[in-house]
Amino acid sequence: MALTEAEEAFLTFDWTNEGWQKYFNELYPQPNHAQAMKFKKKWYRANIDSSLDANFDPLEADRARREASETKSKKTDGGPGLSSSEAFANVAPAAVSSLSRPMKRMSL
């Protein structure tokens, strides 16, 4: 699922923003993490971008975005479709053997 421009902007918003910090610090009682996300969305829609979908789930969208990024990096780490262990298996044997030699003990 592709994110809208408003959703992408919400996920990358700098939450050290003075307006948001003032609003959040005045909430009583302080909301837990799940509640804080609802307040972030409400504040963001009221103060930054009213086009943000009210049904947008930032936690799910961020999770999906990170999973897509991890999948992409797995494919690019060792070549297309290679896991990190498969990529390691493609290392030159001389490099691997130098890693498997025991370390010399150093005296103090």
PDB file of N, CA and C in Angstrom:
ATOM      1  N   MET A   1       0.840  -1.176   0.000  1.00  0.00           N
ATOM      2  CA  MET A   1       0.000   0.000   0.000  1.00  0.00           C
ATOM      3  C   MET A   1       0.887   1.242   0.000  1.00  0.00           C
ATOM      4  N   ALA A   2       0.718   2.068  -0.962  1.00  0.00           N
ATOM      5  CA  ALA A   2       1.502   3.289  -1.061  1.00  0.00           C
ATOM      6  C   ALA A   2       0.905   4.353  -0.141  1.00  0.00           C
ATOM      7  N   LEU A   3       1.792   5.086   0.509  1.00  0.00           N
ATOM      8  CA  LEU A   3       1.346   6.144   1.404  1.00  0.00           C
ATOM      9  C   LEU A   3       1.047   7.410   0.616  1.00  0.00           C
ATOM     10  N   THR A   4       0.076   8.167   1.095  1.00  0.00           N
ATOM     11  CA  THR A   4      -0.194   9.459   0.477  1.00  0.00           C
ATOM     12  C   THR A   4       0.908  10.426   0.902  1.00  0.00           C
ATOM     13  N   GLU A   5       0.952  11.556   0.243  1.00  0.00           N
ATOM     14  CA  GLU A   5       1.949  12.569   0.587  1.00  0.00           C
ATOM     15  C   GLU A   5       1.767  13.035   2.033  1.00  0.00           C
ATOM     16  N   ALA A   6       0.523  13.214   2.464  1.00  0.00           N
ATOM     17  CA  ALA A   6       0.238  13.655   3.833  1.00  0.00           C
ATOM     18  C   ALA A   6       0.664  12.597   4.850  1.00  0.00           C
ATOM     19  N   GLU A   7       0.435  11.323   4.537  1.00  0.00           N
ATOM     20  CA  GLU A   7       0.824  10.237   5.446  1.00  0.00           C
ATOM     21  C   GLU A   7       2.339  10.133   5.560  1.00  0.00           C
ATOM     22  N   GLU A   8       3.038  10.246   4.441  1.00  0.00           N
ATOM     23  CA  GLU A   8       4.498  10.208   4.448  1.00  0.00           C
ATOM     24  C   GLU A   8       5.052  11.386   5.245  1.00  0.00           C
ATOM     25  N   ALA A   9       4.449  12.559   5.076  1.00  0.00           N
ATOM     26  CA  ALA A   9       4.890  13.744   5.809  1.00  0.00           C
ATOM     27  C   ALA A   9       4.664  13.565   7.309  1.00  0.00           C
ATOM     28  N   PHE A  10       3.555  12.936   7.689  1.00  0.00           N
ATOM     29  CA  PHE A  10       3.279  12.676   9.102  1.00  0.00           C
ATOM     30  C   PHE A  10       4.353  11.768   9.695  1.00  0.00           C
ATOM     31  N   LEU A  11       4.697  10.704   8.973  1.00  0.00           N
ATOM     32  CA  LEU A  11       5.687   9.748   9.480  1.00  0.00           C
ATOM     33  C   LEU A  11       7.083  10.353   9.608  1.00  0.00           C
ATOM     34  N   THR A  12       7.382  11.345   8.802  1.00  0.00           N
ATOM     35  CA  THR A  12       8.716  11.954   8.838  1.00  0.00           C
ATOM     36  C   THR A  12       8.723  13.292   9.577  1.00  0.00           C
ATOM     37  N   PHE A  13       7.584  13.660  10.165  1.00  0.00           N
ATOM     38  CA  PHE A  13       7.476  14.942  10.861  1.00  0.00           C
ATOM     39  C   PHE A  13       8.442  14.989  12.052  1.00  0.00           C
ATOM     40  N   ASP A  14       9.023  16.153  12.300  1.00  0.00           N
ATOM     41  CA  ASP A  14       9.938  16.348  13.428  1.00  0.00           C
ATOM     42  C   ASP A  14       9.104  16.656  14.678  1.00  0.00           C
ATOM     43  N   TRP A  15       8.925  15.640  15.520  1.00  0.00           N
ATOM     44  CA  TRP A  15       8.074  15.775  16.695  1.00  0.00           C
ATOM     45  C   TRP A  15       8.736  16.549  17.825  1.00  0.00           C
ATOM     46  N   THR A  16       9.914  17.111  17.575  1.00  0.00           N
ATOM     47  CA  THR A  16      10.499  18.035  18.544  1.00  0.00           C
ATOM     48  C   THR A  16       9.930  19.432  18.327  1.00  0.00           C
ATOM     49  N   ASN A  17       8.998  19.551  17.375  1.00  0.00           N
ATOM     50  CA  ASN A  17       8.307  20.801  17.062  1.00  0.00           C
ATOM     51  C   ASN A  17       7.792  21.452  18.345  1.00  0.00           C
ATOM     52  N   GLU A  18       8.069  22.732  18.500  1.00  0.00           N
ATOM     53  CA  GLU A  18       7.714  23.458  19.721  1.00  0.00           C
ATOM     54  C   GLU A  18       6.208  23.444  19.998  1.00  0.00           C
ATOM     55  N   GLY A  19       5.401  23.623  18.955  1.00  0.00           N
ATOM     56  CA  GLY A  19       3.949  23.608  19.120  1.00  0.00           C
ATOM     57  C   GLY A  19       3.443  22.272  19.636  1.00  0.00           C
ATOM     58  N   TRP A  20       3.964  21.181  19.053  1.00  0.00           N
ATOM     59  CA  TRP A  20       3.553  19.847  19.495  1.00  0.00           C
ATOM     60  C   TRP A  20       4.022  19.607  20.920  1.00  0.00           C
ATOM     61  N   GLN A  21       5.253  19.958  21.243  1.00  0.00           N
ATOM     62  CA  GLN A  21       5.782  19.733  22.590  1.00  0.00           C
ATOM     63  C   GLN A  21       4.954  20.477  23.645  1.00  0.00           C
ATOM     64  N   LYS A  22       4.577  21.705  23.342  1.00  0.00           N
ATOM     65  CA  LYS A  22       3.767  22.495  24.275  1.00  0.00           C
ATOM     66  C   LYS A  22       2.416  21.819  24.476  1.00  0.00           C
ATOM     67  N   TYR A  23       1.775  21.431  23.381  1.00  0.00           N
ATOM     68  CA  TYR A  23       0.476  20.757  23.447  1.00  0.00           C
ATOM     69  C   TYR A  23       0.582  19.465  24.254  1.00  0.00           C
ATOM     70  N   PHE A  24       1.572  18.653  23.947  1.00  0.00           N
ATOM     71  CA  PHE A  24       1.717  17.350  24.589  1.00  0.00           C
ATOM     72  C   PHE A  24       2.002  17.500  26.084  1.00  0.00           C
ATOM     73  N   ASN A  25       2.863  18.443  26.436  1.00  0.00           N
ATOM     74  CA  ASN A  25       3.220  18.631  27.840  1.00  0.00           C
ATOM     75  C   ASN A  25       2.056  19.152  28.677  1.00  0.00           C
ATOM     76  N   GLU A  26       1.070  19.752  28.028  1.00  0.00           N
ATOM     77  CA  GLU A  26      -0.102  20.260  28.753  1.00  0.00           C
ATOM     78  C   GLU A  26      -1.204  19.215  28.902  1.00  0.00           C
ATOM     79  N   LEU A  27      -1.046  18.048  28.277  1.00  0.00           N
ATOM     80  CA  LEU A  27      -2.047  16.992  28.420  1.00  0.00           C
ATOM     81  C   LEU A  27      -1.960  16.390  29.823  1.00  0.00           C
ATOM     82  N   TYR A  28      -3.115  16.231  30.447  1.00  0.00           N
ATOM     83  CA  TYR A  28      -3.134  15.597  31.759  1.00  0.00           C
ATOM     84  C   TYR A  28      -4.346  14.693  31.829  1.00  0.00           C
ATOM     85  N   PRO A  29      -4.178  13.468  32.228  1.00  0.00           N
ATOM     86  CA  PRO A  29      -2.900  12.807  32.518  1.00  0.00           C
ATOM     87  C   PRO A  29      -2.140  12.535  31.223  1.00  0.00           C
ATOM     88  N   GLN A  30      -0.840  12.341  31.344  1.00  0.00           N
ATOM     89  CA  GLN A  30      -0.018  12.059  30.170  1.00  0.00           C
ATOM     90  C   GLN A  30      -0.485  10.753  29.535  1.00  0.00           C
ATOM     91  N   PRO A  31      -0.713  10.759  28.239  1.00  0.00           N
ATOM     92  CA  PRO A  31      -1.183   9.541  27.558  1.00  0.00           C
ATOM     93  C   PRO A  31      -0.073   8.501  27.413  1.00  0.00           C
ATOM     94  N   ASN A  32      -0.489   7.215  27.330  1.00  0.00           N
ATOM     95  CA  ASN A  32       0.487   6.165  27.050  1.00  0.00           C
ATOM     96  C   ASN A  32       0.852   6.222  25.567  1.00  0.00           C
ATOM     97  N   HIS A  33       1.729   5.332  25.115  1.00  0.00           N
ATOM     98  CA  HIS A  33       2.226   5.384  23.738  1.00  0.00           C
ATOM     99  C   HIS A  33       1.095   5.299  22.707  1.00  0.00           C
ATOM    100  N   ALA A  34       0.181   4.351  22.892  1.00  0.00           N
ATOM    101  CA  ALA A  34      -0.912   4.183  21.926  1.00  0.00           C
ATOM    102  C   ALA A  34      -1.817   5.413  21.917  1.00  0.00           C
ATOM    103  N   GLN A  35      -2.084   5.950  23.081  1.00  0.00           N
ATOM    104  CA  GLN A  35      -2.917   7.152  23.154  1.00  0.00           C
ATOM    105  C   GLN A  35      -2.182   8.356  22.568  1.00  0.00           C
ATOM    106  N   ALA A  36      -0.888   8.437  22.800  1.00  0.00           N
ATOM    107  CA  ALA A  36      -0.096   9.563  22.297  1.00  0.00           C
ATOM    108  C   ALA A  36      -0.181   9.638  20.777  1.00  0.00           C
ATOM    109  N   MET A  37      -0.212   8.490  20.114  1.00  0.00           N
ATOM    110  CA  MET A  37      -0.297   8.483  18.658  1.00  0.00           C
ATOM    111  C   MET A  37      -1.617   9.103  18.200  1.00  0.00           C
ATOM    112  N   LYS A  38      -2.703   8.843  18.933  1.00  0.00           N
ATOM    113  CA  LYS A  38      -3.989   9.452  18.592  1.00  0.00           C
ATOM    114  C   LYS A  38      -3.923  10.968  18.749  1.00  0.00           C
ATOM    115  N   PHE A  39      -3.263  11.425  19.809  1.00  0.00           N
ATOM    116  CA  PHE A  39      -3.120  12.863  20.029  1.00  0.00           C
ATOM    117  C   PHE A  39      -2.217  13.485  18.966  1.00  0.00           C
ATOM    118  N   LYS A  40      -1.173  12.763  18.562  1.00  0.00           N
ATOM    119  CA  LYS A  40      -0.295  13.269  17.503  1.00  0.00           C
ATOM    120  C   LYS A  40      -1.087  13.487  16.223  1.00  0.00           C
ATOM    121  N   LYS A  41      -1.881  12.479  15.859  1.00  0.00           N
ATOM    122  CA  LYS A  41      -2.686  12.574  14.640  1.00  0.00           C
ATOM    123  C   LYS A  41      -3.658  13.747  14.710  1.00  0.00           C
ATOM    124  N   LYS A  42      -4.335  13.864  15.847  1.00  0.00           N
ATOM    125  CA  LYS A  42      -5.309  14.940  16.017  1.00  0.00           C
ATOM    126  C   LYS A  42      -4.620  16.306  15.930  1.00  0.00           C
ATOM    127  N   TRP A  43      -3.489  16.463  16.611  1.00  0.00           N
ATOM    128  CA  TRP A  43      -2.758  17.734  16.595  1.00  0.00           C
ATOM    129  C   TRP A  43      -2.228  18.029  15.196  1.00  0.00           C
ATOM    130  N   TYR A  44      -1.665  17.008  14.547  1.00  0.00           N
ATOM    131  CA  TYR A  44      -1.092  17.178  13.204  1.00  0.00           C
ATOM    132  C   TYR A  44      -2.166  17.640  12.222  1.00  0.00           C
ATOM    133  N   ARG A  45      -3.341  17.007  12.275  1.00  0.00           N
ATOM    134  CA  ARG A  45      -4.435  17.386  11.364  1.00  0.00           C
ATOM    135  C   ARG A  45      -4.900  18.809  11.628  1.00  0.00           C
ATOM    136  N   ALA A  46      -4.930  19.216  12.897  1.00  0.00           N
ATOM    137  CA  ALA A  46      -5.414  20.554  13.250  1.00  0.00           C
ATOM    138  C   ALA A  46      -4.381  21.646  12.970  1.00  0.00           C
ATOM    139  N   ASN A  47      -3.091  21.321  13.058  1.00  0.00           N
ATOM    140  CA  ASN A  47      -2.059  22.354  12.993  1.00  0.00           C
ATOM    141  C   ASN A  47      -1.131  22.306  11.791  1.00  0.00           C
ATOM    142  N   ILE A  48      -1.004  21.155  11.168  1.00  0.00           N
ATOM    143  CA  ILE A  48      -0.031  21.017  10.073  1.00  0.00           C
ATOM    144  C   ILE A  48      -0.709  20.723   8.736  1.00  0.00           C
ATOM    145  N   ASP A  49      -1.470  19.634   8.662  1.00  0.00           N
ATOM    146  CA  ASP A  49      -2.049  19.210   7.378  1.00  0.00           C
ATOM    147  C   ASP A  49      -3.412  18.563   7.597  1.00  0.00           C
ATOM    148  N   SER A  50      -4.466  19.305   7.288  1.00  0.00           N
ATOM    149  CA  SER A  50      -5.821  18.800   7.495  1.00  0.00           C
ATOM    150  C   SER A  50      -6.204  17.706   6.492  1.00  0.00           C
ATOM    151  N   SER A  51      -5.361  17.482   5.473  1.00  0.00           N
ATOM    152  CA  SER A  51      -5.684  16.454   4.484  1.00  0.00           C
ATOM    153  C   SER A  51      -5.282  15.046   4.943  1.00  0.00           C
ATOM    154  N   LEU A  52      -4.636  14.941   6.113  1.00  0.00           N
ATOM    155  CA  LEU A  52      -4.271  13.618   6.635  1.00  0.00           C
ATOM    156  C   LEU A  52      -5.549  12.844   6.934  1.00  0.00           C
ATOM    157  N   ASP A  53      -5.649  11.628   6.399  1.00  0.00           N
ATOM    158  CA  ASP A  53      -6.829  10.781   6.569  1.00  0.00           C
ATOM    159  C   ASP A  53      -7.036  10.478   8.053  1.00  0.00           C
ATOM    160  N   ALA A  54      -8.252  10.709   8.552  1.00  0.00           N
ATOM    161  CA  ALA A  54      -8.578  10.462   9.958  1.00  0.00           C
ATOM    162  C   ALA A  54      -8.440   8.982  10.309  1.00  0.00           C
ATOM    163  N   ASN A  55      -8.572   8.094   9.328  1.00  0.00           N
ATOM    164  CA  ASN A  55      -8.473   6.648   9.567  1.00  0.00           C
ATOM    165  C   ASN A  55      -7.055   6.107   9.386  1.00  0.00           C
ATOM    166  N   PHE A  56      -6.120   6.980   9.090  1.00  0.00           N
ATOM    167  CA  PHE A  56      -4.727   6.577   8.888  1.00  0.00           C
ATOM    168  C   PHE A  56      -4.161   5.997  10.178  1.00  0.00           C
ATOM    169  N   ASP A  57      -3.548   4.816  10.088  1.00  0.00           N
ATOM    170  CA  ASP A  57      -2.926   4.172  11.247  1.00  0.00           C
ATOM    171  C   ASP A  57      -1.414   4.314  11.120  1.00  0.00           C
ATOM    172  N   PRO A  58      -0.826   5.315  11.785  1.00  0.00           N
ATOM    173  CA  PRO A  58       0.610   5.568  11.652  1.00  0.00           C
ATOM    174  C   PRO A  58       1.479   4.407  12.118  1.00  0.00           C
ATOM    175  N   LEU A  59       1.049   3.704  13.171  1.00  0.00           N
ATOM    176  CA  LEU A  59       1.852   2.589  13.666  1.00  0.00           C
ATOM    177  C   LEU A  59       1.931   1.475  12.629  1.00  0.00           C
ATOM    178  N   GLU A  60       0.807   1.145  12.022  1.00  0.00           N
ATOM    179  CA  GLU A  60       0.786   0.093  10.995  1.00  0.00           C
ATOM    180  C   GLU A  60       1.551   0.533   9.753  1.00  0.00           C
ATOM    181  N   ALA A  61       1.379   1.782   9.354  1.00  0.00           N
ATOM    182  CA  ALA A  61       2.067   2.289   8.163  1.00  0.00           C
ATOM    183  C   ALA A  61       3.575   2.305   8.371  1.00  0.00           C
ATOM    184  N   ASP A  62       4.014   2.720   9.556  1.00  0.00           N
ATOM    185  CA  ASP A  62       5.454   2.749   9.842  1.00  0.00           C
ATOM    186  C   ASP A  62       6.025   1.334   9.877  1.00  0.00           C
ATOM    187  N   ARG A  63       5.285   0.401  10.466  1.00  0.00           N
ATOM    188  CA  ARG A  63       5.719  -0.995  10.515  1.00  0.00           C
ATOM    189  C   ARG A  63       5.856  -1.559   9.105  1.00  0.00           C
ATOM    190  N   ALA A  64       4.879  -1.305   8.257  1.00  0.00           N
ATOM    191  CA  ALA A  64       4.908  -1.804   6.871  1.00  0.00           C
ATOM    192  C   ALA A  64       6.065  -1.168   6.102  1.00  0.00           C
ATOM    193  N   ARG A  65       6.299   0.118   6.343  1.00  0.00           N
ATOM    194  CA  ARG A  65       7.390   0.817   5.659  1.00  0.00           C
ATOM    195  C   ARG A  65       8.751   0.239   6.072  1.00  0.00           C
ATOM    196  N   ARG A  66       8.925  -0.043   7.388  1.00  0.00           N
ATOM    197  CA  ARG A  66      10.186  -0.627   7.856  1.00  0.00           C
ATOM    198  C   ARG A  66      10.385  -2.037   7.310  1.00  0.00           C
ATOM    199  N   GLU A  67       9.316  -2.840   7.268  1.00  0.00           N
ATOM    200  CA  GLU A  67       9.417  -4.199   6.726  1.00  0.00           C
ATOM    201  C   GLU A  67       9.811  -4.157   5.256  1.00  0.00           C
ATOM    202  N   ALA A  68       9.230  -3.245   4.499  1.00  0.00           N
ATOM    203  CA  ALA A  68       9.568  -3.111   3.083  1.00  0.00           C
ATOM    204  C   ALA A  68      11.019  -2.698   2.922  1.00  0.00           C
ATOM    205  N   SER A  69      11.487  -1.818   3.795  1.00  0.00           N
ATOM    206  CA  SER A  69      12.872  -1.358   3.749  1.00  0.00           C
ATOM    207  C   SER A  69      13.834  -2.500   4.084  1.00  0.00           C
ATOM    208  N   GLU A  70      13.474  -3.312   5.107  1.00  0.00           N
ATOM    209  CA  GLU A  70      14.315  -4.451   5.489  1.00  0.00           C
ATOM    210  C   GLU A  70      14.380  -5.476   4.369  1.00  0.00           C
ATOM    211  N   THR A  71      13.260  -5.733   3.728  1.00  0.00           N
ATOM    212  CA  THR A  71      13.222  -6.679   2.610  1.00  0.00           C
ATOM    213  C   THR A  71      14.100  -6.181   1.477  1.00  0.00           C
ATOM    214  N   LYS A  72      14.031  -4.895   1.200  1.00  0.00           N
ATOM    215  CA  LYS A  72      14.837  -4.303   0.140  1.00  0.00           C
ATOM    216  C   LYS A  72      16.317  -4.406   0.478  1.00  0.00           C
ATOM    217  N   SER A  73      16.692  -4.139   1.746  1.00  0.00           N
ATOM    218  CA  SER A  73      18.107  -4.188   2.117  1.00  0.00           C
ATOM    219  C   SER A  73      18.634  -5.620   2.094  1.00  0.00           C
ATOM    220  N   LYS A  74      17.789  -6.602   2.413  1.00  0.00           N
ATOM    221  CA  LYS A  74      18.234  -7.991   2.340  1.00  0.00           C
ATOM    222  C   LYS A  74      18.592  -8.362   0.909  1.00  0.00           C
ATOM    223  N   LYS A  75      17.840  -7.829  -0.039  1.00  0.00           N
ATOM    224  CA  LYS A  75      18.099  -8.141  -1.439  1.00  0.00           C
ATOM    225  C   LYS A  75      19.335  -7.417  -1.951  1.00  0.00           C
ATOM    226  N   THR A  76      19.702  -6.277  -1.352  1.00  0.00           N
ATOM    227  CA  THR A  76      20.833  -5.511  -1.858  1.00  0.00           C
ATOM    228  C   THR A  76      22.114  -5.762  -1.079  1.00  0.00           C
ATOM    229  N   ASP A  77      22.048  -6.371   0.110  1.00  0.00           N
ATOM    230  CA  ASP A  77      23.258  -6.605   0.897  1.00  0.00           C
ATOM    231  C   ASP A  77      24.250  -7.512   0.180  1.00  0.00           C
ATOM    232  N   GLY A  78      23.804  -8.640  -0.305  1.00  0.00           N
ATOM    233  CA  GLY A  78      24.714  -9.590  -0.916  1.00  0.00           C
ATOM    234  C   GLY A  78      24.377  -9.851  -2.365  1.00  0.00           C
ATOM    235  N   GLY A  79      23.590  -9.014  -2.923  1.00  0.00           N
ATOM    236  CA  GLY A  79      23.158  -9.220  -4.288  1.00  0.00           C
ATOM    237  C   GLY A  79      21.677  -9.521  -4.291  1.00  0.00           C
ATOM    238  N   PRO A  80      21.094  -9.621  -5.448  1.00  0.00           N
ATOM    239  CA  PRO A  80      19.650  -9.826  -5.532  1.00  0.00           C
ATOM    240  C   PRO A  80      19.211 -11.120  -4.865  1.00  0.00           C
ATOM    241  N   GLY A  81      18.325 -10.986  -3.885  1.00  0.00           N
ATOM    242  CA  GLY A  81      17.723 -12.143  -3.259  1.00  0.00           C
ATOM    243  C   GLY A  81      18.607 -12.928  -2.320  1.00  0.00           C
ATOM    244  N   LEU A  82      19.777 -12.435  -1.964  1.00  0.00           N
ATOM    245  CA  LEU A  82      20.658 -13.177  -1.069  1.00  0.00           C
ATOM    246  C   LEU A  82      20.454 -12.739   0.368  1.00  0.00           C
ATOM    247  N   SER A  83      20.349 -13.707   1.255  1.00  0.00           N
ATOM    248  CA  SER A  83      20.300 -13.365   2.668  1.00  0.00           C
ATOM    249  C   SER A  83      21.725 -13.038   3.113  1.00  0.00           C
ATOM    250  N   SER A  84      21.878 -12.524   4.331  1.00  0.00           N
ATOM    251  CA  SER A  84      23.217 -12.174   4.802  1.00  0.00           C
ATOM    252  C   SER A  84      24.112 -13.406   4.916  1.00  0.00           C
ATOM    253  N   SER A  85      23.546 -14.574   5.302  1.00  0.00           N
ATOM    254  CA  SER A  85      24.365 -15.783   5.391  1.00  0.00           C
ATOM    255  C   SER A  85      24.787 -16.262   4.002  1.00  0.00           C
ATOM    256  N   GLU A  86      23.909 -16.123   3.018  1.00  0.00           N
ATOM    257  CA  GLU A  86      24.267 -16.490   1.652  1.00  0.00           C
ATOM    258  C   GLU A  86      25.325 -15.536   1.113  1.00  0.00           C
ATOM    259  N   ALA A  87      25.211 -14.267   1.456  1.00  0.00           N
ATOM    260  CA  ALA A  87      26.201 -13.284   1.011  1.00  0.00           C
ATOM    261  C   ALA A  87      27.557 -13.599   1.637  1.00  0.00           C
ATOM    262  N   PHE A  88      27.565 -14.006   2.913  1.00  0.00           N
ATOM    263  CA  PHE A  88      28.808 -14.355   3.590  1.00  0.00           C
ATOM    264  C   PHE A  88      29.456 -15.568   2.922  1.00  0.00           C
ATOM    265  N   ALA A  89      28.630 -16.509   2.464  1.00  0.00           N
ATOM    266  CA  ALA A  89      29.156 -17.702   1.804  1.00  0.00           C
ATOM    267  C   ALA A  89      29.862 -17.344   0.502  1.00  0.00           C
ATOM    268  N   ASN A  90      29.535 -16.182  -0.083  1.00  0.00           N
ATOM    269  CA  ASN A  90      30.147 -15.759  -1.330  1.00  0.00           C
ATOM    270  C   ASN A  90      31.468 -15.028  -1.132  1.00  0.00           C
ATOM    271  N   VAL A  91      31.904 -14.847   0.123  1.00  0.00           N
ATOM    272  CA  VAL A  91      33.166 -14.164   0.410  1.00  0.00           C
ATOM    273  C   VAL A  91      34.321 -15.062  -0.025  1.00  0.00           C
ATOM    274  N   ALA A  92      35.371 -14.451  -0.489  1.00  0.00           N
ATOM    275  CA  ALA A  92      36.533 -15.223  -0.938  1.00  0.00           C
ATOM    276  C   ALA A  92      37.046 -16.114   0.188  1.00  0.00           C
ATOM    277  N   PRO A  93      37.426 -17.379  -0.107  1.00  0.00           N
ATOM    278  CA  PRO A  93      37.886 -18.314   0.921  1.00  0.00           C
ATOM    279  C   PRO A  93      39.051 -17.786   1.752  1.00  0.00           C
ATOM    280  N   ALA A  94      39.970 -17.029   1.163  1.00  0.00           N
ATOM    281  CA  ALA A  94      41.103 -16.498   1.918  1.00  0.00           C
ATOM    282  C   ALA A  94      40.626 -15.551   3.013  1.00  0.00           C
ATOM    283  N   ALA A  95      39.614 -14.766   2.719  1.00  0.00           N
ATOM    284  CA  ALA A  95      39.079 -13.837   3.713  1.00  0.00           C
ATOM    285  C   ALA A  95      38.404 -14.599   4.841  1.00  0.00           C
ATOM    286  N   VAL A  96      37.698 -15.667   4.512  1.00  0.00           N
ATOM    287  CA  VAL A  96      37.019 -16.461   5.519  1.00  0.00           C
ATOM    288  C   VAL A  96      38.024 -17.171   6.404  1.00  0.00           C
ATOM    289  N   SER A  97      39.081 -17.733   5.814  1.00  0.00           N
ATOM    290  CA  SER A  97      40.055 -18.472   6.618  1.00  0.00           C
ATOM    291  C   SER A  97      40.781 -17.544   7.586  1.00  0.00           C
ATOM    292  N   SER A  98      40.986 -16.292   7.218  1.00  0.00           N
ATOM    293  CA  SER A  98      41.645 -15.377   8.138  1.00  0.00           C
ATOM    294  C   SER A  98      40.739 -15.050   9.320  1.00  0.00           C
ATOM    295  N   LEU A  99      39.438 -15.161   9.114  1.00  0.00           N
ATOM    296  CA  LEU A  99      38.501 -14.901  10.198  1.00  0.00           C
ATOM    297  C   LEU A  99      38.401 -16.085  11.149  1.00  0.00           C
ATOM    298  N   SER A 100      38.695 -17.284  10.658  1.00  0.00           N
ATOM    299  CA  SER A 100      38.521 -18.470  11.484  1.00  0.00           C
ATOM    300  C   SER A 100      39.778 -18.876  12.253  1.00  0.00           C
ATOM    301  N   ARG A 101      40.914 -18.184  12.011  1.00  0.00           N
ATOM    302  CA  ARG A 101      42.126 -18.498  12.758  1.00  0.00           C
ATOM    303  C   ARG A 101      41.997 -18.043  14.198  1.00  0.00           C
ATOM    304  N   PRO A 102      42.545 -18.791  15.144  1.00  0.00           N
ATOM    305  CA  PRO A 102      42.476 -18.366  16.543  1.00  0.00           C
ATOM    306  C   PRO A 102      43.293 -17.081  16.746  1.00  0.00           C
ATOM    307  N   MET A 103      42.822 -16.282  17.668  1.00  0.00           N
ATOM    308  CA  MET A 103      43.523 -15.023  17.959  1.00  0.00           C
ATOM    309  C   MET A 103      44.709 -15.317  18.867  1.00  0.00           C
ATOM    310  N   LYS A 104      45.794 -14.567  18.693  1.00  0.00           N
ATOM    311  CA  LYS A 104      46.962 -14.701  19.559  1.00  0.00           C
ATOM    312  C   LYS A 104      46.654 -14.046  20.895  1.00  0.00           C
ATOM    313  N   ARG A 105      47.113 -14.687  21.936  1.00  0.00           N
ATOM    314  CA  ARG A 105      46.894 -14.147  23.272  1.00  0.00           C
ATOM    315  C   ARG A 105      47.931 -13.061  23.520  1.00  0.00           C
ATOM    316  N   MET A 106      47.463 -11.961  24.024  1.00  0.00           N
ATOM    317  CA  MET A 106      48.373 -10.845  24.298  1.00  0.00           C
ATOM    318  C   MET A 106      48.701 -10.830  25.776  1.00  0.00           C
ATOM    319  N   SER A 107      49.944 -10.590  26.083  1.00  0.00           N
ATOM    320  CA  SER A 107      50.325 -10.500  27.497  1.00  0.00           C
ATOM    321  C   SER A 107      50.261  -9.038  27.931  1.00  0.00           C
ATOM    322  N   LEU A 108      49.954  -8.860  29.171  1.00  0.00           N
ATOM    323  CA  LEU A 108      49.821  -7.498  29.686  1.00  0.00           C
ATOM    324  C   LEU A 108      51.090  -7.012  30.256  1.00  0.00           C
TER     325      LEU A 108
END
